Amino acid sequence: MLVDSHCHLDFADFADELDAVIARAADAGVGVMVTICTHLSRFEQVRAVAERFANVWCSVGVHPHEAASETADAERLIALARHPKVVGIGETGLDFYYEHSPRARQEQSFRAHIKAAQATGLPLIVHTRDADAETAAILGEAVAAAPLRGVIHCFSTGRQLAEAALAAGFYISLSGIVTFNKAEALRATVRDLPLDRLLVETDAPYLAPVPKRGKRNEPAFVAHTAAEVARLKQMPMAEFAQATTANFLRLFDKVKPAKSEAVA
């Protein structure tokens, strides 16, 4: 079984064919999906998708792009995370590439999510772009203060952040970017990452992997990303799928897949 650890099934891109998207994921061997919250104001729609499908789970959080317009109050995040289908806090973090929200507001939101993750024991789902040093510093400070688990989602940066994340006990999730022609530096880093800390994701509807690049991404396509990382790790696809699914279930331990989806 494969897991799509990060997708956005509540987005309008999937509204007209969500049942078909979930069916195609099953046909591709994707047994579990986590649909990620980006706006607290849309959490009910995110949760509704997770409630509709037995093999879909969700998170609660505010994307750094929305930090200026949506307040991420730790107590509210903690309360919403009590729902049985909520398995993670985020996505949250820092995005200094687009800076759709002021940096100070992004950091404030990030710290609120960290507080909620520490209080609930749920994994923190981190988005970071052009903010490696700042992200590593905040995570290092948080881990030193209290237990914290989590994942750097859609990892596409350099070794320093990877090493800082691993030192903090975090996992690293790889998206379709690892298949892109110009991603050789990323592939070089991925070759050296420990297998027991890797996850795979789509970030659907974005970042469709080769050979689907240019199309709308969907959970079934995580198989292409997994195949590329298995190639980089020089291991059979089935073995890689089993390892990354075990990693996912270790981190997102609130997920309880059906017996037919469980890891052998």
C-alpha atoms as a PDB file:
ATOM      1  CA  MET A   1       0.000   0.000   0.000  1.00  0.00           C
ATOM      2  CA  LEU A   2       1.049   3.571  -0.730  1.00  0.00           C
ATOM      3  CA  VAL A   3      -0.013   6.634   1.225  1.00  0.00           C
ATOM      4  CA  ASP A   4      -0.566  10.147  -0.119  1.00  0.00           C
ATOM      5  CA  SER A   5       0.447  11.990   3.026  1.00  0.00           C
ATOM      6  CA  HIS A   6      -0.485  15.459   1.740  1.00  0.00           C
ATOM      7  CA  CYS A   7      -3.211  16.457  -0.727  1.00  0.00           C
ATOM      8  CA  HIS A   8      -6.040  18.997  -0.927  1.00  0.00           C
ATOM      9  CA  LEU A   9      -9.189  17.089  -1.790  1.00  0.00           C
ATOM     10  CA  ASP A  10     -11.492  19.899  -0.653  1.00  0.00           C
ATOM     11  CA  PHE A  11     -10.242  22.164  -3.446  1.00  0.00           C
ATOM     12  CA  ALA A  12     -12.633  23.039  -6.259  1.00  0.00           C
ATOM     13  CA  ASP A  13     -10.375  21.168  -8.710  1.00  0.00           C
ATOM     14  CA  PHE A  14     -11.888  17.900  -7.443  1.00  0.00           C
ATOM     15  CA  ALA A  15     -15.467  18.964  -6.757  1.00  0.00           C
ATOM     16  CA  ASP A  16     -17.019  17.352  -9.826  1.00  0.00           C
ATOM     17  CA  GLU A  17     -15.308  13.960  -9.630  1.00  0.00           C
ATOM     18  CA  LEU A  18     -14.130  13.278  -6.107  1.00  0.00           C
ATOM     19  CA  ASP A  19     -15.518   9.739  -6.071  1.00  0.00           C
ATOM     20  CA  ALA A  20     -13.634   8.951  -9.281  1.00  0.00           C
ATOM     21  CA  VAL A  21     -10.426  10.470  -7.888  1.00  0.00           C
ATOM     22  CA  ILE A  22     -10.636   8.277  -4.794  1.00  0.00           C
ATOM     23  CA  ALA A  23     -11.379   5.220  -6.952  1.00  0.00           C
ATOM     24  CA  ARG A  24      -8.365   5.905  -9.185  1.00  0.00           C
ATOM     25  CA  ALA A  25      -6.197   6.216  -6.089  1.00  0.00           C
ATOM     26  CA  ALA A  26      -7.341   2.780  -4.938  1.00  0.00           C
ATOM     27  CA  ASP A  27      -6.601   1.334  -8.392  1.00  0.00           C
ATOM     28  CA  ALA A  28      -3.052   2.760  -8.120  1.00  0.00           C
ATOM     29  CA  GLY A  29      -2.520   1.103  -4.737  1.00  0.00           C
ATOM     30  CA  VAL A  30      -2.996   4.255  -2.653  1.00  0.00           C
ATOM     31  CA  GLY A  31      -4.793   3.049   0.448  1.00  0.00           C
ATOM     32  CA  VAL A  32      -4.701   6.155   2.671  1.00  0.00           C
ATOM     33  CA  MET A  33      -4.831   9.887   1.950  1.00  0.00           C
ATOM     34  CA  VAL A  34      -4.548  12.934   4.210  1.00  0.00           C
ATOM     35  CA  THR A  35      -6.406  15.992   2.957  1.00  0.00           C
ATOM     36  CA  ILE A  36      -4.740  19.095   4.359  1.00  0.00           C
ATOM     37  CA  CYS A  37      -6.416  22.177   5.785  1.00  0.00           C
ATOM     38  CA  THR A  38      -5.112  25.566   4.608  1.00  0.00           C
ATOM     39  CA  HIS A  39      -7.852  27.860   5.994  1.00  0.00           C
ATOM     40  CA  LEU A  40      -9.611  27.453   9.338  1.00  0.00           C
ATOM     41  CA  SER A  41     -12.624  29.051   7.670  1.00  0.00           C
ATOM     42  CA  ARG A  42     -12.786  26.012   5.339  1.00  0.00           C
ATOM     43  CA  PHE A  43     -12.125  23.350   7.948  1.00  0.00           C
ATOM     44  CA  GLU A  44     -15.696  22.049   7.842  1.00  0.00           C
ATOM     45  CA  GLN A  45     -15.332  21.288   4.120  1.00  0.00           C
ATOM     46  CA  VAL A  46     -11.978  19.573   4.723  1.00  0.00           C
ATOM     47  CA  ARG A  47     -13.429  17.499   7.552  1.00  0.00           C
ATOM     48  CA  ALA A  48     -16.481  16.601   5.451  1.00  0.00           C
ATOM     49  CA  VAL A  49     -14.245  15.009   2.800  1.00  0.00           C
ATOM     50  CA  ALA A  50     -12.498  12.937   5.460  1.00  0.00           C
ATOM     51  CA  GLU A  51     -15.818  11.885   6.964  1.00  0.00           C
ATOM     52  CA  ARG A  52     -17.137  10.842   3.564  1.00  0.00           C
ATOM     53  CA  PHE A  53     -14.365   8.350   2.788  1.00  0.00           C
ATOM     54  CA  ALA A  54     -13.121   5.673   5.184  1.00  0.00           C
ATOM     55  CA  ASN A  55      -9.540   5.899   3.892  1.00  0.00           C
ATOM     56  CA  VAL A  56      -9.257   9.713   3.917  1.00  0.00           C
ATOM     57  CA  TRP A  57      -8.097  11.621   7.012  1.00  0.00           C
ATOM     58  CA  CYS A  58      -7.448  15.329   7.517  1.00  0.00           C
ATOM     59  CA  SER A  59      -5.517  18.029   9.328  1.00  0.00           C
ATOM     60  CA  VAL A  60      -6.465  21.380  10.822  1.00  0.00           C
ATOM     61  CA  GLY A  61      -4.433  24.523  10.244  1.00  0.00           C
ATOM     62  CA  VAL A  62      -3.701  27.776   8.441  1.00  0.00           C
ATOM     63  CA  HIS A  63      -1.260  27.956   5.530  1.00  0.00           C
ATOM     64  CA  PRO A  64       1.393  30.682   5.946  1.00  0.00           C
ATOM     65  CA  HIS A  65      -0.056  32.439   2.896  1.00  0.00           C
ATOM     66  CA  GLU A  66      -3.243  33.003   4.914  1.00  0.00           C
ATOM     67  CA  ALA A  67      -1.626  34.023   8.203  1.00  0.00           C
ATOM     68  CA  ALA A  68      -2.597  37.690   7.750  1.00  0.00           C
ATOM     69  CA  SER A  69      -6.267  36.974   7.098  1.00  0.00           C
ATOM     70  CA  GLU A  70      -6.925  33.962   9.354  1.00  0.00           C
ATOM     71  CA  THR A  71      -5.944  33.768  13.016  1.00  0.00           C
ATOM     72  CA  ALA A  72      -4.486  30.456  14.135  1.00  0.00           C
ATOM     73  CA  ASP A  73      -5.412  30.346  17.808  1.00  0.00           C
ATOM     74  CA  ALA A  74      -3.773  27.373  19.532  1.00  0.00           C
ATOM     75  CA  GLU A  75      -6.792  26.636  21.709  1.00  0.00           C
ATOM     76  CA  ARG A  76      -9.107  26.534  18.705  1.00  0.00           C
ATOM     77  CA  LEU A  77      -6.719  24.247  16.829  1.00  0.00           C
ATOM     78  CA  ILE A  78      -6.578  21.957  19.860  1.00  0.00           C
ATOM     79  CA  ALA A  79     -10.369  21.840  20.104  1.00  0.00           C
ATOM     80  CA  LEU A  80     -10.868  21.049  16.412  1.00  0.00           C
ATOM     81  CA  ALA A  81      -8.140  18.399  16.537  1.00  0.00           C
ATOM     82  CA  ARG A  82     -10.251  16.302  18.916  1.00  0.00           C
ATOM     83  CA  HIS A  83     -12.313  15.098  15.954  1.00  0.00           C
ATOM     84  CA  PRO A  84     -11.441  11.441  15.264  1.00  0.00           C
ATOM     85  CA  LYS A  85     -10.592  12.144  11.620  1.00  0.00           C
ATOM     86  CA  VAL A  86      -8.077  14.927  12.400  1.00  0.00           C
ATOM     87  CA  VAL A  87      -4.595  13.392  12.444  1.00  0.00           C
ATOM     88  CA  GLY A  88      -2.246  16.371  12.121  1.00  0.00           C
ATOM     89  CA  ILE A  89      -1.757  20.097  12.809  1.00  0.00           C
ATOM     90  CA  GLY A  90      -1.136  22.313   9.770  1.00  0.00           C
ATOM     91  CA  GLU A  91      -0.127  22.997   7.217  1.00  0.00           C
ATOM     92  CA  THR A  92       1.817  25.798   8.805  1.00  0.00           C
ATOM     93  CA  GLY A  93       5.271  27.299   8.543  1.00  0.00           C
ATOM     94  CA  LEU A  94       7.065  30.095   6.733  1.00  0.00           C
ATOM     95  CA  ASP A  95       6.935  31.156   3.086  1.00  0.00           C
ATOM     96  CA  PHE A  96       9.326  34.008   2.374  1.00  0.00           C
ATOM     97  CA  TYR A  97       9.223  33.432  -1.389  1.00  0.00           C
ATOM     98  CA  TYR A  98       5.730  34.806  -2.013  1.00  0.00           C
ATOM     99  CA  GLU A  99       5.260  36.630   1.318  1.00  0.00           C
ATOM    100  CA  HIS A 100       1.496  36.761   0.891  1.00  0.00           C
ATOM    101  CA  SER A 101       1.434  37.420   4.635  1.00  0.00           C
ATOM    102  CA  PRO A 102       3.914  39.506   6.673  1.00  0.00           C
ATOM    103  CA  ARG A 103       6.770  37.501   8.132  1.00  0.00           C
ATOM    104  CA  ALA A 104       5.858  38.406  11.689  1.00  0.00           C
ATOM    105  CA  ARG A 105       2.308  37.112  11.230  1.00  0.00           C
ATOM    106  CA  GLN A 106       3.621  33.916   9.659  1.00  0.00           C
ATOM    107  CA  GLU A 107       5.916  33.312  12.613  1.00  0.00           C
ATOM    108  CA  GLN A 108       3.122  34.035  15.094  1.00  0.00           C
ATOM    109  CA  SER A 109       0.873  31.533  13.316  1.00  0.00           C
ATOM    110  CA  PHE A 110       3.661  28.954  13.097  1.00  0.00           C
ATOM    111  CA  ARG A 111       4.285  29.161  16.840  1.00  0.00           C
ATOM    112  CA  ALA A 112       0.565  28.771  17.586  1.00  0.00           C
ATOM    113  CA  HIS A 113       0.474  25.601  15.506  1.00  0.00           C
ATOM    114  CA  ILE A 114       3.570  24.294  17.294  1.00  0.00           C
ATOM    115  CA  LYS A 115       1.863  24.894  20.638  1.00  0.00           C
ATOM    116  CA  ALA A 116      -1.211  22.998  19.434  1.00  0.00           C
ATOM    117  CA  ALA A 117       0.898  20.100  18.136  1.00  0.00           C
ATOM    118  CA  GLN A 118       2.747  19.859  21.418  1.00  0.00           C
ATOM    119  CA  ALA A 119      -0.501  19.956  23.410  1.00  0.00           C
ATOM    120  CA  THR A 120      -2.256  17.309  21.311  1.00  0.00           C
ATOM    121  CA  GLY A 121       0.716  15.101  20.490  1.00  0.00           C
ATOM    122  CA  LEU A 122      -0.299  15.208  16.827  1.00  0.00           C
ATOM    123  CA  PRO A 123       2.349  15.676  14.124  1.00  0.00           C
ATOM    124  CA  LEU A 124       3.086  19.176  12.846  1.00  0.00           C
ATOM    125  CA  ILE A 125       2.855  19.550   9.039  1.00  0.00           C
ATOM    126  CA  VAL A 126       5.415  22.166   7.966  1.00  0.00           C
ATOM    127  CA  HIS A 127       5.482  24.206   4.770  1.00  0.00           C
ATOM    128  CA  THR A 128       8.723  26.130   4.245  1.00  0.00           C
ATOM    129  CA  ARG A 129      10.001  28.057   1.246  1.00  0.00           C
ATOM    130  CA  ASP A 130      12.977  30.426   1.154  1.00  0.00           C
ATOM    131  CA  ALA A 131      13.007  30.278   4.960  1.00  0.00           C
ATOM    132  CA  ASP A 132      15.246  27.328   5.757  1.00  0.00           C
ATOM    133  CA  ALA A 133      17.298  28.954   8.510  1.00  0.00           C
ATOM    134  CA  GLU A 134      14.301  30.546  10.199  1.00  0.00           C
ATOM    135  CA  THR A 135      12.272  27.321  10.045  1.00  0.00           C
ATOM    136  CA  ALA A 136      15.144  25.267  11.456  1.00  0.00           C
ATOM    137  CA  ALA A 137      15.695  27.763  14.282  1.00  0.00           C
ATOM    138  CA  ILE A 138      12.046  27.811  15.335  1.00  0.00           C
ATOM    139  CA  LEU A 139      11.745  24.022  15.210  1.00  0.00           C
ATOM    140  CA  GLY A 140      14.991  23.575  17.126  1.00  0.00           C
ATOM    141  CA  GLU A 141      13.801  25.953  19.826  1.00  0.00           C
ATOM    142  CA  ALA A 142      10.418  24.205  20.036  1.00  0.00           C
ATOM    143  CA  VAL A 143      11.877  20.686  20.249  1.00  0.00           C
ATOM    144  CA  ALA A 144      14.219  21.806  23.017  1.00  0.00           C
ATOM    145  CA  ALA A 145      11.271  23.154  25.014  1.00  0.00           C
ATOM    146  CA  ALA A 146       8.789  20.262  24.733  1.00  0.00           C
ATOM    147  CA  PRO A 147       8.183  17.070  22.732  1.00  0.00           C
ATOM    148  CA  LEU A 148       7.244  17.761  19.114  1.00  0.00           C
ATOM    149  CA  ARG A 149       6.764  15.452  16.127  1.00  0.00           C
ATOM    150  CA  GLY A 150       6.225  16.374  12.518  1.00  0.00           C
ATOM    151  CA  VAL A 151       7.089  16.387   8.852  1.00  0.00           C
ATOM    152  CA  ILE A 152       8.615  18.819   6.384  1.00  0.00           C
ATOM    153  CA  HIS A 153       6.083  18.538   3.581  1.00  0.00           C
ATOM    154  CA  CYS A 154       7.006  18.817  -0.105  1.00  0.00           C
ATOM    155  CA  PHE A 155      10.704  18.893   0.683  1.00  0.00           C
ATOM    156  CA  SER A 156      12.568  20.556  -2.180  1.00  0.00           C
ATOM    157  CA  THR A 157      15.401  22.471  -0.575  1.00  0.00           C
ATOM    158  CA  GLY A 158      18.949  21.745   0.553  1.00  0.00           C
ATOM    159  CA  ARG A 159      20.804  19.475   2.916  1.00  0.00           C
ATOM    160  CA  GLN A 160      20.990  21.922   5.812  1.00  0.00           C
ATOM    161  CA  LEU A 161      17.240  21.951   6.380  1.00  0.00           C
ATOM    162  CA  ALA A 162      17.062  18.188   5.873  1.00  0.00           C
ATOM    163  CA  GLU A 163      19.754  17.663   8.492  1.00  0.00           C
ATOM    164  CA  ALA A 164      18.079  20.079  10.915  1.00  0.00           C
ATOM    165  CA  ALA A 165      14.715  18.375  10.451  1.00  0.00           C
ATOM    166  CA  LEU A 166      16.190  14.926  10.992  1.00  0.00           C
ATOM    167  CA  ALA A 167      18.044  16.141  14.084  1.00  0.00           C
ATOM    168  CA  ALA A 168      14.732  17.417  15.447  1.00  0.00           C
ATOM    169  CA  GLY A 169      13.195  13.976  14.905  1.00  0.00           C
ATOM    170  CA  PHE A 170      11.075  15.096  11.957  1.00  0.00           C
ATOM    171  CA  TYR A 171      10.201  13.158   8.831  1.00  0.00           C
ATOM    172  CA  ILE A 172      10.670  14.405   5.259  1.00  0.00           C
ATOM    173  CA  SER A 173       7.935  14.088   2.644  1.00  0.00           C
ATOM    174  CA  LEU A 174       8.758  14.039  -1.056  1.00  0.00           C
ATOM    175  CA  SER A 175       6.476  15.280  -3.810  1.00  0.00           C
ATOM    176  CA  GLY A 176       6.489  15.143  -7.604  1.00  0.00           C
ATOM    177  CA  ILE A 177       9.254  17.746  -7.631  1.00  0.00           C
ATOM    178  CA  VAL A 178      11.768  14.929  -7.153  1.00  0.00           C
ATOM    179  CA  THR A 179      10.863  13.675 -10.667  1.00  0.00           C
ATOM    180  CA  PHE A 180      11.400  17.025 -12.413  1.00  0.00           C
ATOM    181  CA  ASN A 181      14.239  17.321 -14.931  1.00  0.00           C
ATOM    182  CA  LYS A 182      15.898  20.221 -13.119  1.00  0.00           C
ATOM    183  CA  ALA A 183      15.740  18.606  -9.659  1.00  0.00           C
ATOM    184  CA  GLU A 184      19.091  16.789  -9.738  1.00  0.00           C
ATOM    185  CA  ALA A 185      20.345  18.607  -6.631  1.00  0.00           C
ATOM    186  CA  LEU A 186      17.233  17.472  -4.760  1.00  0.00           C
ATOM    187  CA  ARG A 187      17.707  13.905  -5.978  1.00  0.00           C
ATOM    188  CA  ALA A 188      21.309  13.973  -4.737  1.00  0.00           C
ATOM    189  CA  THR A 189      20.082  14.935  -1.270  1.00  0.00           C
ATOM    190  CA  VAL A 190      17.291  12.362  -1.309  1.00  0.00           C
ATOM    191  CA  ARG A 191      19.757   9.559  -2.059  1.00  0.00           C
ATOM    192  CA  ASP A 192      21.377  10.238   1.325  1.00  0.00           C
ATOM    193  CA  LEU A 193      18.218  10.596   3.429  1.00  0.00           C
ATOM    194  CA  PRO A 194      17.434   7.706   5.795  1.00  0.00           C
ATOM    195  CA  LEU A 195      14.666   5.458   4.513  1.00  0.00           C
ATOM    196  CA  ASP A 196      12.980   5.298   7.915  1.00  0.00           C
ATOM    197  CA  ARG A 197      12.247   9.043   7.812  1.00  0.00           C
ATOM    198  CA  LEU A 198      10.724   9.312   4.318  1.00  0.00           C
ATOM    199  CA  LEU A 199       7.110   9.858   3.277  1.00  0.00           C
ATOM    200  CA  VAL A 200       5.629  10.506  -0.164  1.00  0.00           C
ATOM    201  CA  GLU A 201       2.869  12.893  -1.186  1.00  0.00           C
ATOM    202  CA  THR A 202       1.259  14.622  -4.145  1.00  0.00           C
ATOM    203  CA  ASP A 203       0.312  18.082  -2.796  1.00  0.00           C
ATOM    204  CA  ALA A 204      -2.544  17.599  -5.277  1.00  0.00           C
ATOM    205  CA  PRO A 205      -3.857  19.385  -7.263  1.00  0.00           C
ATOM    206  CA  TYR A 206      -0.347  20.868  -7.623  1.00  0.00           C
ATOM    207  CA  LEU A 207       3.040  19.503  -8.738  1.00  0.00           C
ATOM    208  CA  ALA A 208       2.050  16.516 -10.848  1.00  0.00           C
ATOM    209  CA  PRO A 209       5.075  14.240 -11.259  1.00  0.00           C
ATOM    210  CA  VAL A 210       6.660  13.129 -14.492  1.00  0.00           C
ATOM    211  CA  PRO A 211       5.089  11.586 -16.629  1.00  0.00           C
ATOM    212  CA  LYS A 212       1.927  13.495 -15.623  1.00  0.00           C
ATOM    213  CA  ARG A 213       3.576  16.903 -15.366  1.00  0.00           C
ATOM    214  CA  GLY A 214       1.366  19.690 -16.687  1.00  0.00           C
ATOM    215  CA  LYS A 215      -1.828  17.904 -15.668  1.00  0.00           C
ATOM    216  CA  ARG A 216      -3.881  18.381 -12.536  1.00  0.00           C
ATOM    217  CA  ASN A 217      -2.273  16.249  -9.858  1.00  0.00           C
ATOM    218  CA  GLU A 218      -4.272  13.650  -7.887  1.00  0.00           C
ATOM    219  CA  PRO A 219      -3.494  11.012  -5.233  1.00  0.00           C
ATOM    220  CA  ALA A 220      -3.099   8.155  -7.736  1.00  0.00           C
ATOM    221  CA  PHE A 221      -0.031   9.926  -9.133  1.00  0.00           C
ATOM    222  CA  VAL A 222       1.911   9.460  -5.885  1.00  0.00           C
ATOM    223  CA  ALA A 223       2.871   6.091  -7.364  1.00  0.00           C
ATOM    224  CA  HIS A 224       5.117   7.877  -9.886  1.00  0.00           C
ATOM    225  CA  THR A 225       6.898   9.810  -7.141  1.00  0.00           C
ATOM    226  CA  ALA A 226       7.335   6.642  -5.097  1.00  0.00           C
ATOM    227  CA  ALA A 227       8.770   4.809  -8.096  1.00  0.00           C
ATOM    228  CA  GLU A 228      11.364   7.546  -8.645  1.00  0.00           C
ATOM    229  CA  VAL A 229      12.448   7.588  -4.995  1.00  0.00           C
ATOM    230  CA  ALA A 230      12.635   3.788  -4.944  1.00  0.00           C
ATOM    231  CA  ARG A 231      14.917   4.056  -7.988  1.00  0.00           C
ATOM    232  CA  LEU A 232      17.108   6.593  -6.181  1.00  0.00           C
ATOM    233  CA  LYS A 233      17.269   4.270  -3.182  1.00  0.00           C
ATOM    234  CA  GLN A 234      18.035   1.312  -5.453  1.00  0.00           C
ATOM    235  CA  MET A 235      15.304  -0.829  -3.954  1.00  0.00           C
ATOM    236  CA  PRO A 236      12.160  -2.593  -5.192  1.00  0.00           C
ATOM    237  CA  MET A 237       9.041  -0.461  -5.378  1.00  0.00           C
ATOM    238  CA  ALA A 238       7.072  -2.858  -3.145  1.00  0.00           C
ATOM    239  CA  GLU A 239       9.723  -2.658  -0.443  1.00  0.00           C
ATOM    240  CA  PHE A 240       9.817   1.138  -0.650  1.00  0.00           C
ATOM    241  CA  ALA A 241       6.016   1.363  -0.469  1.00  0.00           C
ATOM    242  CA  GLN A 242       5.955  -0.843   2.607  1.00  0.00           C
ATOM    243  CA  ALA A 243       8.681   1.195   4.307  1.00  0.00           C
ATOM    244  CA  THR A 244       7.130   4.612   3.657  1.00  0.00           C
ATOM    245  CA  THR A 245       3.678   3.418   4.683  1.00  0.00           C
ATOM    246  CA  ALA A 246       5.120   2.074   7.934  1.00  0.00           C
ATOM    247  CA  ASN A 247       6.822   5.454   8.458  1.00  0.00           C
ATOM    248  CA  PHE A 248       3.537   7.256   7.855  1.00  0.00           C
ATOM    249  CA  LEU A 249       1.626   5.092  10.325  1.00  0.00           C
ATOM    250  CA  ARG A 250       4.369   5.581  12.919  1.00  0.00           C
ATOM    251  CA  LEU A 251       4.136   9.368  12.609  1.00  0.00           C
ATOM    252  CA  PHE A 252       0.414   9.738  11.974  1.00  0.00           C
ATOM    253  CA  ASP A 253      -0.476   7.174  14.625  1.00  0.00           C
ATOM    254  CA  LYS A 254      -4.060   8.367  14.932  1.00  0.00           C
ATOM    255  CA  VAL A 255      -4.711   6.863  11.482  1.00  0.00           C
ATOM    256  CA  LYS A 256      -6.227   3.400  11.721  1.00  0.00           C
ATOM    257  CA  PRO A 257      -6.389   1.906   8.219  1.00  0.00           C
ATOM    258  CA  ALA A 258      -8.878  -0.858   7.460  1.00  0.00           C
ATOM    259  CA  LYS A 259      -7.491  -4.377   7.746  1.00  0.00           C
ATOM    260  CA  SER A 260      -7.408  -4.699   3.961  1.00  0.00           C
ATOM    261  CA  GLU A 261      -5.194  -1.573   3.830  1.00  0.00           C
ATOM    262  CA  ALA A 262      -2.853  -2.480   6.667  1.00  0.00           C
ATOM    263  CA  VAL A 263       0.856  -2.955   6.113  1.00  0.00           C
ATOM    264  CA  ALA A 264       1.789  -6.626   5.726  1.00  0.00           C
END
